[in-house]
N, C-alpha and C. Protein backbone atom coordinates (compact mmCIF):
# COMPACT_ATOMS: atom_id res chain seq x y z
N UNK A 1 -27.21 -9.87 30.22
CA UNK A 1 -26.71 -8.58 30.46
C UNK A 1 -27.40 -7.49 30.89
N UNK A 2 -28.58 -7.31 30.36
CA UNK A 2 -29.73 -6.38 30.52
C UNK A 2 -29.95 -6.53 32.18
N UNK A 3 -30.21 -7.69 32.59
CA UNK A 3 -30.72 -7.98 33.94
C UNK A 3 -29.67 -7.54 34.93
N UNK A 4 -28.34 -7.51 34.44
CA UNK A 4 -27.27 -7.33 35.42
C UNK A 4 -26.84 -5.86 35.29
N UNK A 5 -27.67 -5.16 34.69
CA UNK A 5 -27.30 -3.40 34.61
C UNK A 5 -26.28 -3.19 33.68
N UNK A 6 -26.25 -3.89 32.70
CA UNK A 6 -25.04 -3.62 31.78
C UNK A 6 -25.86 -2.55 30.57
N UNK A 7 -25.31 -1.45 30.58
CA UNK A 7 -25.93 -0.47 29.53
C UNK A 7 -25.36 -0.26 28.25
N UNK A 8 -24.18 -0.86 28.18
CA UNK A 8 -23.33 -0.54 26.85
C UNK A 8 -22.46 -1.49 26.71
N UNK A 9 -22.13 -2.03 25.39
CA UNK A 9 -21.35 -3.00 24.76
C UNK A 9 -20.31 -2.55 24.10
N UNK A 10 -19.02 -3.00 24.14
CA UNK A 10 -18.04 -2.73 22.97
C UNK A 10 -17.51 -3.85 22.42
N UNK A 11 -17.78 -3.93 21.10
CA UNK A 11 -17.45 -5.18 20.45
C UNK A 11 -15.98 -4.78 19.66
N UNK A 12 -15.25 -5.98 19.76
CA UNK A 12 -14.03 -5.76 18.90
C UNK A 12 -14.29 -6.47 17.63
N UNK A 13 -13.90 -5.92 16.49
CA UNK A 13 -14.21 -6.53 15.03
C UNK A 13 -12.62 -6.91 14.61
N UNK A 14 -12.55 -8.20 14.36
CA UNK A 14 -11.23 -8.64 13.92
C UNK A 14 -11.32 -9.30 12.74
N UNK A 15 -12.35 -9.45 11.89
CA UNK A 15 -12.25 -10.20 10.80
C UNK A 15 -13.65 -9.98 10.08
N UNK A 16 -14.03 -10.93 9.25
CA UNK A 16 -15.26 -10.75 8.65
C UNK A 16 -16.48 -11.00 9.60
N UNK A 17 -17.63 -9.91 9.33
CA UNK A 17 -18.51 -9.73 10.28
C UNK A 17 -19.87 -10.41 9.62
N UNK A 18 -20.79 -11.18 10.25
CA UNK A 18 -21.87 -11.98 9.87
C UNK A 18 -22.85 -11.27 10.81
N UNK A 19 -24.23 -11.00 10.16
CA UNK A 19 -25.08 -10.54 10.93
C UNK A 19 -25.61 -11.59 11.93
N UNK A 20 -25.90 -11.22 13.31
CA UNK A 20 -26.36 -11.94 14.30
C UNK A 20 -27.53 -11.24 14.90
N UNK A 21 -28.31 -12.12 15.77
CA UNK A 21 -29.44 -11.53 16.42
C UNK A 21 -28.86 -11.25 17.84
N UNK A 22 -29.40 -9.99 18.16
CA UNK A 22 -29.01 -9.36 19.44
C UNK A 22 -30.12 -8.24 19.91
N UNK A 23 -30.35 -8.07 21.10
CA UNK A 23 -31.22 -7.12 21.67
C UNK A 23 -30.58 -5.69 21.45
N UNK A 24 -30.18 -5.24 20.15
CA UNK A 24 -29.36 -4.05 20.08
C UNK A 24 -30.13 -2.83 20.67
N UNK A 25 -31.40 -2.70 20.85
CA UNK A 25 -32.21 -1.52 21.26
C UNK A 25 -31.95 -1.52 22.76
N UNK A 26 -31.45 -2.26 23.32
CA UNK A 26 -31.41 -2.35 25.00
C UNK A 26 -30.02 -1.79 25.26
N UNK A 27 -29.15 -1.69 24.46
CA UNK A 27 -27.82 -1.23 24.91
C UNK A 27 -27.11 -0.17 23.91
N UNK A 28 -26.29 0.58 24.49
CA UNK A 28 -25.44 1.52 23.70
C UNK A 28 -24.25 0.61 23.17
N UNK A 29 -24.14 0.38 21.96
CA UNK A 29 -23.38 -0.30 21.15
C UNK A 29 -22.23 0.34 20.50
N UNK A 30 -20.78 -0.06 20.45
CA UNK A 30 -19.96 0.51 19.51
C UNK A 30 -19.07 -0.55 19.36
N UNK A 31 -18.34 -0.47 18.11
CA UNK A 31 -17.39 -1.44 17.60
C UNK A 31 -16.06 -0.66 17.63
N UNK A 32 -15.05 -1.54 17.92
CA UNK A 32 -13.52 -1.02 17.76
C UNK A 32 -13.31 -2.04 16.36
N UNK A 33 -13.02 -1.34 15.32
CA UNK A 33 -12.97 -1.85 14.01
C UNK A 33 -14.20 -1.71 13.20
N UNK A 34 -14.35 -1.99 11.95
CA UNK A 34 -15.35 -1.91 11.16
C UNK A 34 -16.51 -2.95 11.17
N UNK A 35 -17.70 -2.71 11.46
CA UNK A 35 -18.77 -3.67 11.41
C UNK A 35 -19.51 -3.78 9.99
N UNK A 36 -19.09 -2.93 9.19
CA UNK A 36 -19.58 -2.83 7.76
C UNK A 36 -21.08 -2.58 7.74
N UNK A 37 -21.86 -3.23 7.03
CA UNK A 37 -23.18 -3.09 6.97
C UNK A 37 -23.84 -4.22 7.68
N UNK A 38 -23.36 -4.96 8.52
CA UNK A 38 -24.09 -6.15 9.16
C UNK A 38 -24.94 -5.51 10.26
N UNK A 39 -24.60 -4.53 10.99
CA UNK A 39 -25.43 -4.25 12.16
C UNK A 39 -25.56 -2.68 12.00
N UNK A 40 -24.75 -1.97 11.33
CA UNK A 40 -24.86 -0.44 11.42
C UNK A 40 -24.67 0.19 12.65
N UNK A 41 -23.61 -0.25 13.38
CA UNK A 41 -23.19 0.44 14.82
C UNK A 41 -22.22 1.43 14.67
N UNK A 42 -22.22 2.39 15.67
CA UNK A 42 -21.22 3.17 15.71
C UNK A 42 -19.79 2.63 15.68
N UNK A 43 -18.83 3.01 15.12
CA UNK A 43 -17.51 2.35 15.16
C UNK A 43 -16.43 3.20 15.53
N UNK A 44 -15.31 2.67 16.17
CA UNK A 44 -13.97 3.32 16.23
C UNK A 44 -12.98 2.61 15.53
N UNK A 45 -12.07 3.36 14.66
CA UNK A 45 -10.97 2.51 14.05
C UNK A 45 -9.78 3.51 13.86
N UNK A 46 -8.85 2.78 13.48
CA UNK A 46 -7.71 3.59 13.04
C UNK A 46 -7.97 4.17 11.80
N UNK A 47 -7.26 5.21 11.38
CA UNK A 47 -7.44 5.81 10.11
C UNK A 47 -6.29 5.12 9.13
N UNK A 48 -6.76 3.97 8.50
CA UNK A 48 -5.66 3.29 7.81
C UNK A 48 -5.26 3.92 6.64
N UNK A 49 -6.20 4.73 5.82
CA UNK A 49 -5.62 5.40 4.82
C UNK A 49 -4.40 6.45 5.05
N UNK A 50 -4.95 7.18 6.20
CA UNK A 50 -3.78 8.20 6.50
C UNK A 50 -2.62 7.66 7.16
N UNK A 51 -2.67 6.35 7.80
CA UNK A 51 -1.49 5.70 8.23
C UNK A 51 -0.56 5.15 7.22
N UNK A 52 -1.17 5.00 5.89
CA UNK A 52 -0.31 4.56 5.06
C UNK A 52 0.38 5.91 4.36
N UNK A 53 -0.49 6.95 4.24
CA UNK A 53 0.17 8.14 3.82
C UNK A 53 1.37 8.50 4.62
N UNK A 54 1.16 8.51 5.99
CA UNK A 54 2.09 8.98 6.90
C UNK A 54 3.43 8.24 6.79
N UNK A 55 3.31 6.83 6.91
CA UNK A 55 4.28 6.12 6.63
C UNK A 55 5.03 6.08 5.29
N UNK A 56 4.39 6.38 4.30
CA UNK A 56 4.96 6.79 3.16
C UNK A 56 5.76 7.88 2.98
N UNK A 57 5.01 9.10 3.65
CA UNK A 57 5.80 10.32 3.67
C UNK A 57 7.17 10.28 4.41
N UNK A 58 7.04 9.50 5.48
CA UNK A 58 8.21 9.32 6.46
C UNK A 58 9.48 8.49 5.75
N UNK A 59 8.90 7.56 4.93
CA UNK A 59 9.82 6.80 4.11
C UNK A 59 10.48 7.51 3.18
N UNK A 60 9.74 8.38 2.44
CA UNK A 60 10.29 9.42 1.27
C UNK A 60 11.35 10.49 1.96
N UNK A 61 10.93 11.11 3.23
CA UNK A 61 11.74 11.91 3.69
C UNK A 61 13.13 11.37 4.13
N UNK A 62 12.94 10.08 4.63
CA UNK A 62 14.41 9.26 5.14
C UNK A 62 15.07 8.85 3.93
N UNK A 63 14.71 9.23 2.80
CA UNK A 63 15.54 8.66 1.54
C UNK A 63 14.83 7.53 0.73
N UNK A 64 13.72 6.97 1.20
CA UNK A 64 13.19 5.98 0.40
C UNK A 64 12.72 6.29 -0.97
N UNK A 65 13.14 5.49 -1.96
CA UNK A 65 12.67 5.87 -3.24
C UNK A 65 12.05 4.33 -3.86
N UNK A 66 12.36 3.18 -3.41
CA UNK A 66 11.79 1.98 -4.00
C UNK A 66 10.90 1.47 -2.67
N UNK A 67 9.78 1.93 -2.41
CA UNK A 67 8.95 1.53 -1.45
C UNK A 67 8.06 0.35 -1.56
N UNK A 68 8.36 -0.71 -1.00
CA UNK A 68 7.45 -1.98 -1.37
C UNK A 68 6.50 -2.19 -0.17
N UNK A 69 5.03 -2.27 -0.90
CA UNK A 69 4.05 -2.49 0.37
C UNK A 69 3.66 -3.90 0.33
N UNK A 70 3.58 -4.46 1.58
CA UNK A 70 3.05 -5.85 1.80
C UNK A 70 1.82 -5.85 2.61
N UNK A 71 0.75 -6.17 1.87
CA UNK A 71 -0.72 -6.17 2.47
C UNK A 71 -1.18 -7.50 2.75
N UNK A 72 -1.92 -7.68 3.69
CA UNK A 72 -2.81 -8.99 3.98
C UNK A 72 -4.23 -8.54 3.42
N UNK A 73 -4.91 -9.69 2.82
CA UNK A 73 -6.30 -9.42 2.33
C UNK A 73 -6.93 -10.52 2.85
N UNK A 74 -7.48 -10.61 4.09
CA UNK A 74 -7.98 -11.70 4.70
C UNK A 74 -9.37 -11.83 5.12
N UNK A 75 -10.00 -10.88 4.33
CA UNK A 75 -11.53 -11.09 4.76
C UNK A 75 -12.35 -10.24 5.54
N UNK A 76 -11.37 -8.88 5.74
CA UNK A 76 -12.13 -7.75 6.46
C UNK A 76 -12.01 -6.78 5.56
N UNK A 77 -12.85 -6.74 4.51
CA UNK A 77 -12.87 -5.73 3.50
C UNK A 77 -12.97 -4.19 3.81
N UNK A 78 -13.55 -3.83 4.94
CA UNK A 78 -13.71 -2.42 5.57
C UNK A 78 -12.30 -2.03 5.82
N UNK A 79 -11.55 -2.77 6.38
CA UNK A 79 -10.15 -2.23 6.51
C UNK A 79 -9.27 -2.64 5.34
N UNK A 80 -9.24 -3.68 4.91
CA UNK A 80 -8.21 -4.15 3.75
C UNK A 80 -8.51 -3.14 2.70
N UNK A 81 -9.73 -2.81 2.35
CA UNK A 81 -9.89 -1.95 1.14
C UNK A 81 -9.31 -0.58 1.37
N UNK A 82 -9.45 -0.06 2.59
CA UNK A 82 -8.72 1.25 2.62
C UNK A 82 -7.13 1.29 2.74
N UNK A 83 -6.65 0.17 3.33
CA UNK A 83 -5.33 0.02 3.13
C UNK A 83 -4.82 -0.21 1.70
N UNK A 84 -5.63 -1.13 0.90
CA UNK A 84 -5.06 -1.29 -0.54
C UNK A 84 -5.44 -0.01 -1.42
N UNK A 85 -6.41 0.86 -1.07
CA UNK A 85 -6.57 2.08 -1.80
C UNK A 85 -5.46 2.97 -1.54
N UNK A 86 -5.17 3.05 -0.18
CA UNK A 86 -4.16 4.02 0.22
C UNK A 86 -2.65 3.47 -0.39
N UNK A 87 -2.56 2.13 -0.52
CA UNK A 87 -1.08 1.66 -1.07
C UNK A 87 -1.12 2.06 -2.63
N UNK A 88 -2.16 1.79 -3.02
CA UNK A 88 -2.25 1.99 -4.59
C UNK A 88 -1.80 3.49 -4.84
N UNK A 89 -2.37 4.39 -4.16
CA UNK A 89 -2.19 5.83 -4.23
C UNK A 89 -0.70 6.16 -4.02
N UNK A 90 -0.18 5.83 -2.76
CA UNK A 90 1.14 5.99 -2.44
C UNK A 90 2.07 5.39 -3.61
N UNK A 91 1.96 4.15 -4.02
CA UNK A 91 2.90 3.51 -4.97
C UNK A 91 2.63 4.47 -6.19
N UNK A 92 1.55 5.01 -6.67
CA UNK A 92 1.47 5.86 -7.82
C UNK A 92 2.33 7.13 -7.64
N UNK A 93 2.00 7.65 -6.47
CA UNK A 93 3.13 8.78 -6.06
C UNK A 93 4.44 8.49 -6.16
N UNK A 94 4.93 7.53 -5.61
CA UNK A 94 6.20 7.06 -5.61
C UNK A 94 6.64 6.90 -7.20
N UNK A 95 5.77 6.32 -7.92
CA UNK A 95 6.13 6.11 -9.38
C UNK A 95 6.53 7.41 -10.07
N UNK A 96 5.59 8.49 -9.75
CA UNK A 96 5.72 9.94 -10.10
C UNK A 96 6.99 10.29 -9.77
N UNK A 97 7.56 10.20 -8.61
CA UNK A 97 8.57 10.91 -8.05
C UNK A 97 9.92 10.10 -8.37
N UNK A 98 9.75 9.07 -8.35
CA UNK A 98 11.21 8.06 -8.46
C UNK A 98 11.32 7.08 -9.65
N UNK A 99 10.16 6.99 -10.46
CA UNK A 99 10.07 5.87 -11.56
C UNK A 99 9.54 4.44 -10.99
N UNK A 100 9.66 3.56 -11.75
CA UNK A 100 9.14 2.18 -11.27
C UNK A 100 9.32 1.89 -10.01
N UNK A 101 8.19 1.03 -9.38
CA UNK A 101 8.08 0.77 -8.09
C UNK A 101 7.96 -0.79 -8.07
N UNK A 102 8.40 -1.47 -6.90
CA UNK A 102 7.75 -2.81 -6.70
C UNK A 102 6.26 -2.75 -6.88
N UNK A 103 5.71 -3.76 -7.28
CA UNK A 103 4.41 -4.03 -7.22
C UNK A 103 3.99 -4.33 -5.80
N UNK A 104 2.89 -4.17 -5.52
CA UNK A 104 2.24 -4.45 -3.95
C UNK A 104 2.25 -5.84 -3.93
N UNK A 105 2.74 -6.44 -2.84
CA UNK A 105 2.69 -7.92 -2.57
C UNK A 105 1.39 -8.12 -1.67
N UNK A 106 0.70 -9.03 -1.96
CA UNK A 106 -0.46 -9.43 -1.36
C UNK A 106 -0.11 -10.81 -0.96
N UNK A 107 -0.19 -10.82 0.61
CA UNK A 107 -0.01 -12.17 1.29
C UNK A 107 -0.94 -13.19 0.76
N UNK A 108 -0.50 -14.12 0.00
CA UNK A 108 -1.42 -15.15 -0.79
C UNK A 108 -2.02 -16.20 0.04
N UNK A 109 -1.75 -16.39 1.34
CA UNK A 109 -2.19 -17.41 2.25
C UNK A 109 -3.47 -17.80 2.18
N UNK A 110 -3.82 -19.11 2.58
CA UNK A 110 -5.31 -19.74 2.54
C UNK A 110 -6.07 -19.00 3.44
N UNK A 111 -7.13 -18.43 2.78
CA UNK A 111 -8.15 -17.63 3.53
C UNK A 111 -8.68 -18.55 4.78
N UNK A 112 -8.67 -19.87 4.62
CA UNK A 112 -9.13 -20.79 5.63
C UNK A 112 -8.16 -20.97 6.63
N UNK A 113 -6.87 -20.38 6.60
CA UNK A 113 -5.84 -20.46 7.68
C UNK A 113 -5.25 -22.09 7.65
N UNK A 114 -5.27 -22.60 6.65
CA UNK A 114 -4.61 -23.90 6.45
C UNK A 114 -3.15 -24.00 7.08
N UNK A 115 -2.76 -25.30 7.45
CA UNK A 115 -1.67 -25.57 8.26
C UNK A 115 -0.20 -24.79 7.50
N UNK A 116 -0.16 -24.68 6.17
CA UNK A 116 0.95 -24.16 5.44
C UNK A 116 0.75 -22.67 5.22
N UNK A 117 -0.15 -22.09 5.90
CA UNK A 117 -0.57 -20.76 5.75
C UNK A 117 0.66 -19.71 5.61
N UNK A 118 1.46 -19.70 6.77
CA UNK A 118 2.51 -18.77 6.93
C UNK A 118 3.89 -19.23 6.04
N UNK A 119 4.08 -20.60 5.75
CA UNK A 119 5.11 -21.14 5.03
C UNK A 119 4.96 -20.51 3.58
N UNK A 120 3.61 -20.84 2.98
CA UNK A 120 3.46 -20.46 1.66
C UNK A 120 3.57 -18.84 1.57
N UNK A 121 3.06 -17.89 2.28
CA UNK A 121 3.36 -16.87 2.37
C UNK A 121 4.53 -16.10 2.46
N UNK A 122 5.50 -16.73 3.37
CA UNK A 122 6.86 -16.68 3.59
C UNK A 122 7.67 -16.76 2.20
N UNK A 123 7.40 -17.90 1.63
CA UNK A 123 8.05 -18.05 0.34
C UNK A 123 7.70 -17.09 -0.64
N UNK A 124 6.50 -16.81 -0.85
CA UNK A 124 6.08 -15.96 -1.77
C UNK A 124 6.78 -14.52 -1.54
N UNK A 125 6.56 -14.06 -0.31
CA UNK A 125 7.18 -12.92 0.14
C UNK A 125 8.65 -12.76 -0.23
N UNK A 126 9.37 -13.64 -0.02
CA UNK A 126 10.81 -13.67 -0.22
C UNK A 126 11.22 -13.60 -1.55
N UNK A 127 10.52 -14.19 -2.54
CA UNK A 127 10.67 -14.22 -3.93
C UNK A 127 10.38 -12.84 -4.19
N UNK A 128 9.24 -12.40 -3.84
CA UNK A 128 8.97 -10.96 -4.25
C UNK A 128 10.03 -9.84 -3.77
N UNK A 129 10.60 -10.06 -2.49
CA UNK A 129 11.63 -9.31 -2.09
C UNK A 129 12.82 -9.38 -2.80
N UNK A 130 13.19 -10.48 -3.04
CA UNK A 130 14.59 -10.73 -4.19
C UNK A 130 14.30 -10.06 -5.40
N UNK A 131 13.28 -10.28 -5.98
CA UNK A 131 12.93 -9.74 -7.35
C UNK A 131 12.89 -8.37 -7.48
N UNK A 132 12.18 -7.64 -6.43
CA UNK A 132 11.87 -6.33 -6.64
C UNK A 132 12.77 -5.32 -5.63
N UNK A 133 13.54 -5.91 -4.99
CA UNK A 133 14.61 -5.20 -4.03
C UNK A 133 14.05 -3.93 -3.61
N UNK A 134 12.86 -3.82 -2.63
CA UNK A 134 12.61 -2.66 -2.34
C UNK A 134 13.69 -1.98 -1.35
N UNK A 135 13.91 -0.58 -0.97
CA UNK A 135 14.71 -0.09 -0.04
C UNK A 135 13.96 0.24 1.27
N UNK A 136 12.65 0.17 1.23
CA UNK A 136 11.88 0.12 2.41
C UNK A 136 10.45 -0.87 2.28
N UNK A 137 10.20 -1.42 3.36
CA UNK A 137 9.20 -2.53 3.17
C UNK A 137 8.06 -1.92 4.13
N UNK A 138 6.94 -1.49 3.79
CA UNK A 138 5.80 -1.16 4.46
C UNK A 138 4.93 -2.42 4.64
N UNK A 139 4.93 -2.94 5.86
CA UNK A 139 3.75 -4.20 6.05
C UNK A 139 2.71 -3.84 6.69
N UNK A 140 1.60 -4.19 6.19
CA UNK A 140 0.35 -4.27 6.68
C UNK A 140 0.05 -5.05 7.90
N UNK A 141 1.03 -6.01 8.21
CA UNK A 141 0.97 -6.61 9.29
C UNK A 141 2.28 -6.50 9.98
N UNK A 142 2.78 -7.38 10.80
CA UNK A 142 3.99 -7.26 11.40
C UNK A 142 4.79 -8.67 11.08
N UNK A 143 4.55 -9.45 10.12
CA UNK A 143 4.95 -10.63 9.74
C UNK A 143 6.23 -10.54 9.08
N UNK A 144 6.37 -9.73 7.97
CA UNK A 144 7.51 -9.74 7.18
C UNK A 144 8.72 -9.52 7.85
N UNK A 145 8.91 -8.94 8.88
CA UNK A 145 10.07 -8.55 9.51
C UNK A 145 10.75 -9.71 10.05
N UNK A 146 9.82 -10.72 10.47
CA UNK A 146 10.28 -12.17 11.01
C UNK A 146 11.07 -12.91 9.72
N UNK A 147 10.13 -12.74 8.59
CA UNK A 147 10.61 -13.40 7.35
C UNK A 147 11.84 -12.81 6.86
N UNK A 148 12.15 -11.53 6.90
CA UNK A 148 13.37 -11.03 6.49
C UNK A 148 14.52 -11.36 7.38
N UNK A 149 14.34 -11.15 8.64
CA UNK A 149 15.28 -11.49 9.62
C UNK A 149 15.85 -13.03 9.36
N UNK A 150 14.81 -13.95 9.31
CA UNK A 150 15.20 -15.57 9.12
C UNK A 150 15.88 -15.76 7.93
N UNK A 151 15.79 -14.91 6.83
CA UNK A 151 16.43 -14.98 5.62
C UNK A 151 17.82 -14.23 5.70
N UNK A 152 18.16 -13.65 6.79
CA UNK A 152 19.37 -13.02 6.89
C UNK A 152 19.38 -11.62 6.40
N UNK A 153 18.40 -10.90 6.31
CA UNK A 153 18.27 -9.59 5.95
C UNK A 153 18.51 -8.93 7.28
N UNK A 154 19.28 -7.79 7.12
CA UNK A 154 19.57 -6.81 8.27
C UNK A 154 18.91 -5.64 8.17
N UNK A 155 18.00 -5.54 9.14
CA UNK A 155 17.08 -4.21 9.34
C UNK A 155 17.58 -3.36 10.17
N UNK A 156 17.94 -2.11 9.94
CA UNK A 156 17.48 -1.24 8.81
C UNK A 156 18.83 -1.15 7.70
N UNK A 157 19.94 -1.93 8.10
CA UNK A 157 21.02 -1.84 6.97
C UNK A 157 20.81 -2.23 5.61
N UNK A 158 20.15 -3.48 5.56
CA UNK A 158 19.94 -3.88 4.12
C UNK A 158 18.56 -3.29 3.64
N UNK A 159 17.55 -3.21 4.45
CA UNK A 159 16.26 -2.77 4.07
C UNK A 159 15.74 -2.10 5.25
N UNK A 160 15.13 -0.98 5.01
CA UNK A 160 14.18 -0.20 6.30
C UNK A 160 12.80 -0.94 6.18
N UNK A 161 12.16 -0.82 7.37
CA UNK A 161 10.93 -1.72 7.59
C UNK A 161 10.01 -0.92 8.51
N UNK A 162 8.72 -0.88 8.06
CA UNK A 162 7.74 -0.08 8.95
C UNK A 162 6.48 -1.05 8.90
N UNK A 163 5.66 -1.14 9.81
CA UNK A 163 4.29 -1.67 9.92
C UNK A 163 3.35 -0.98 10.26
N UNK A 164 2.13 -1.16 9.79
CA UNK A 164 0.85 -0.45 9.99
C UNK A 164 0.26 -1.03 11.22
N UNK A 165 0.47 -2.17 11.54
CA UNK A 165 -0.15 -2.97 12.66
C UNK A 165 0.21 -2.69 14.03
N UNK A 166 1.59 -2.79 14.24
CA UNK A 166 2.03 -2.54 15.64
C UNK A 166 3.59 -2.60 15.71
N UNK A 167 4.10 -1.84 16.58
CA UNK A 167 5.62 -1.62 16.64
C UNK A 167 6.18 -2.86 16.68
N UNK A 168 7.19 -3.06 15.66
CA UNK A 168 7.87 -4.37 15.49
C UNK A 168 8.88 -4.52 16.62
N UNK A 169 9.01 -5.61 17.16
CA UNK A 169 10.05 -6.24 18.18
C UNK A 169 11.37 -6.17 17.43
N UNK A 170 12.17 -5.51 18.03
CA UNK A 170 13.70 -5.66 17.64
C UNK A 170 14.44 -6.62 18.58
N UNK A 171 15.10 -7.40 17.85
CA UNK A 171 16.07 -8.50 18.67
C UNK A 171 17.44 -8.18 18.23
């Protein structure tokens, strides 16, 4: 890279980061996502804490009183911890405003991404959804929308849905 005249490198961080050897001092480096303590590089990332706050505020303004948060925790603590802290705070706010709230749903899937990863998560999520009956689901991913639709749940008629990850596809 250096011999080819590359001056800078942008790394995308999508999961757990482990320290690796690289000629860091020869390049201007930045990560998209959090590198944590592995390399101490400059990083650019979404403000996950404020994303949860914003979507929660919007849900409340639009009549949401039982907001159910569904979060992945798959091994990127720098991001996952921010989402977790924000959902705990917002769930606490919702409890003060409206009374008891659905517990935060954690996608329980196999961290090794085993074959039954999504089926196990789907079944657990649908049990959580039926038991706690949120009127809004805030998804840390964009998986729950498909599980809800597959189960015959009509969005937004039966439940409103928001994702922190990407704009959901409407069918």
